[in-house]
Amino acid sequence: MTGLPGERGAVFYPFGAELDCAGRYLLIKLTAAQEEISLDFITSERCAVARNPYADESGAPRDIRWEYSTSAGFAPCEVRRDLTHGMSFSGRLTLGCGDIGEYSEGLPENGVWLRACIEYAGCEDMPLLSGIYTNALALTQKTRGCVCTETRLNGGFAEADDVLAARGEHVVMLRDEHGWYDVPEPEFTVEGSRVRFGLSQYAAVDDGAVNVRIISYSKEFSGKMCFSSDGLPCQEFPFDPDGTVLTGDLRIMVRDRADSEFPRWNEYTFTEDLALAGEFDRAFSFDEKRRRIVFGDNENGEAPPVGTDNILVISCSLTKGAAGNLAAGNLHEITGAEVSCAVEQPLSCCGGRFRETTSAALRRFRAELSDCQRAVSAEDFRKAALRTPGLRVADVRAIPFFDPGDPYAPAERLCNTVTLAVLPYSRGEFPEPDERFLAAVRAHMERCRLLTVELKTSAPAYVRVNISAELACGSGEVGRVIENAEKKLHEMFSVYGADGRSRFGEPIRESTVIAGLCSVDGVLAVKRLRMNIDRPDCKKTSAGISIPPHAIACCGKVELISSGN
């Protein structure tokens, strides 16, 4: 493929929509040759069944081979990291291309071709993409009041590559054998977003660890980052910057008493609950509701010593929460220290949320308590299998005391056997899981089953029902009525039921078929109905036909005729 749809929202199948994709290639031209190439794929999620998130050990549902052009043809690429899991998720694909200094003859100059083909298609739908990008960035929505850059002295210099460092003000600390001390008004130069400090005249320990801290802050934040301690327990300080404080980024340092032999700065660690802190733990907390920084009482957390401006916030980030989310296409420019860069935003910037309320946390806690991690009942097995990582699982039926390999075995011999009939989601008429799909379900369920349970997995057994009926039609357009009646039968015997659940094991009842046909406009009555199935494991009863518990009934041959009223 040499061109991508230009309209926002347009999607395409890079290998075609059919599972039979032999001989089809995705071709991508890159203008710059690199030994490592990163491509960002944006997949389109337009399926009725969402794909479960991947676990680290999850495999991809399909195998894709990547190659790059050389003067001797195409050579294989090394897939170094695939966060797309075979183009089943939006993410980054990193390829190693070795020596790509020579390109295929006849291909465009100053460029290299990548091509991909599917070696194993699997059982799910083909990848559906809305874009392929290079040089993609992941952004985090937050406002930084101050930031701490940790580095090491190199030839008497220390550097910070940060926009806030280039634009803001600074406090520089060095670490010697006694701890951290601040450097008064160090000399520095700024080039772009890089700030370089000259610190050769100051002593610092060189033990291979970080020995320089550069605290950069905005002028607006400068009046909110210093506090004076009275040395008493349970000190609180008002801290009310504009926004929600990200406590994961909140860091504080406290200086020793001025009359100590070597006054040094010590870092205090944030904790959600000071009651969990020990007597000598240097810890603090933040009361979001009252917007106050809180220190310990010398029993639960060490109180800061007395001093003037001896409490310093060295890192603080603020967020707008859900109000900071951006819909796709709204971000057009990123501004750096000296330059601005035009950008395209193909995806919504989402994920921002406000702090969880106590009532919401209680609801989540109750839901997690009811979410059983061990499968005991048939419904437990079904719910657990539906969450198999990396798969689109349309439905599962857990069948106790049943083995599809020995369907006539007595129940007492299968008292510890549970069979999972698994239906993958696919736009195909009769979705069929492959062995890779079933193996993923088994591997996931191994962590959920009881030790005494023998677990089996099975694909659905599709049972084709041949239907012959004579209809009494009250409309002059008999052909249209017959056509609508046939459509109705196919809807009734679709793989997915009206409620989204499959029809595993549901018997075929004559009364249900007759009621469905009579609901069609123009059908007055069903004069005759015959149904048959050519399977020995299906039994005909007075009410209809019973099918195996792992089977799904579907339409076979349909013959409908019309007679007079």
Foldseek 3Di string as FASTA:
>chain_A
DEDADPDFPDKDFQQDFDLPRPPGKRKYKDLADDQKFKKWFAFDPPDPFDAFAFDPPDAAQFDKWKWKFFCVGTDTWDFPDDPCRQLVHTDMTMTGHHDRPGGHPPDDPSIMMMMMDTPGSFQATGTMTNDMDGPDDDDDFWAWQKAKDWDADDPQKDKDQALLQQPFDKWKWFQAPVGIDTDPPFDWDDDFRMIMTGGNVDDHDPPPGTGMIIMGGHPVCVVQFFDFDPAAFWDKDAHDDPAQWDLVFWWKWFWADPPDPDIHIDTADEDCDLVPAALDHRHWYADRVRRMIIAGRSGRHHGGGGDGRRMGTRIIMGHNFQVPKAAFQPDAWDDGNPDIDGDHGSGTRGDGHDDDDPVNVVVVVVVVVPLDQADDDQVNLFVQLCNQHRFRWLGKGKDAQADVVCRPDDSVVRRQEIEIATFGDHPDQGRWGDPSSQVSSVVSCVSHYDPSHDYHYDYAAEWAKEKEWEFAFPDPPVVVLVVVLVVLQQLPQGQADPVSYGCQFPFDFPVVSFVSSCVGPGTPGIPDMDMDTPDPQWDADPGGITHDRRYGYGHDHYHYHYDYD
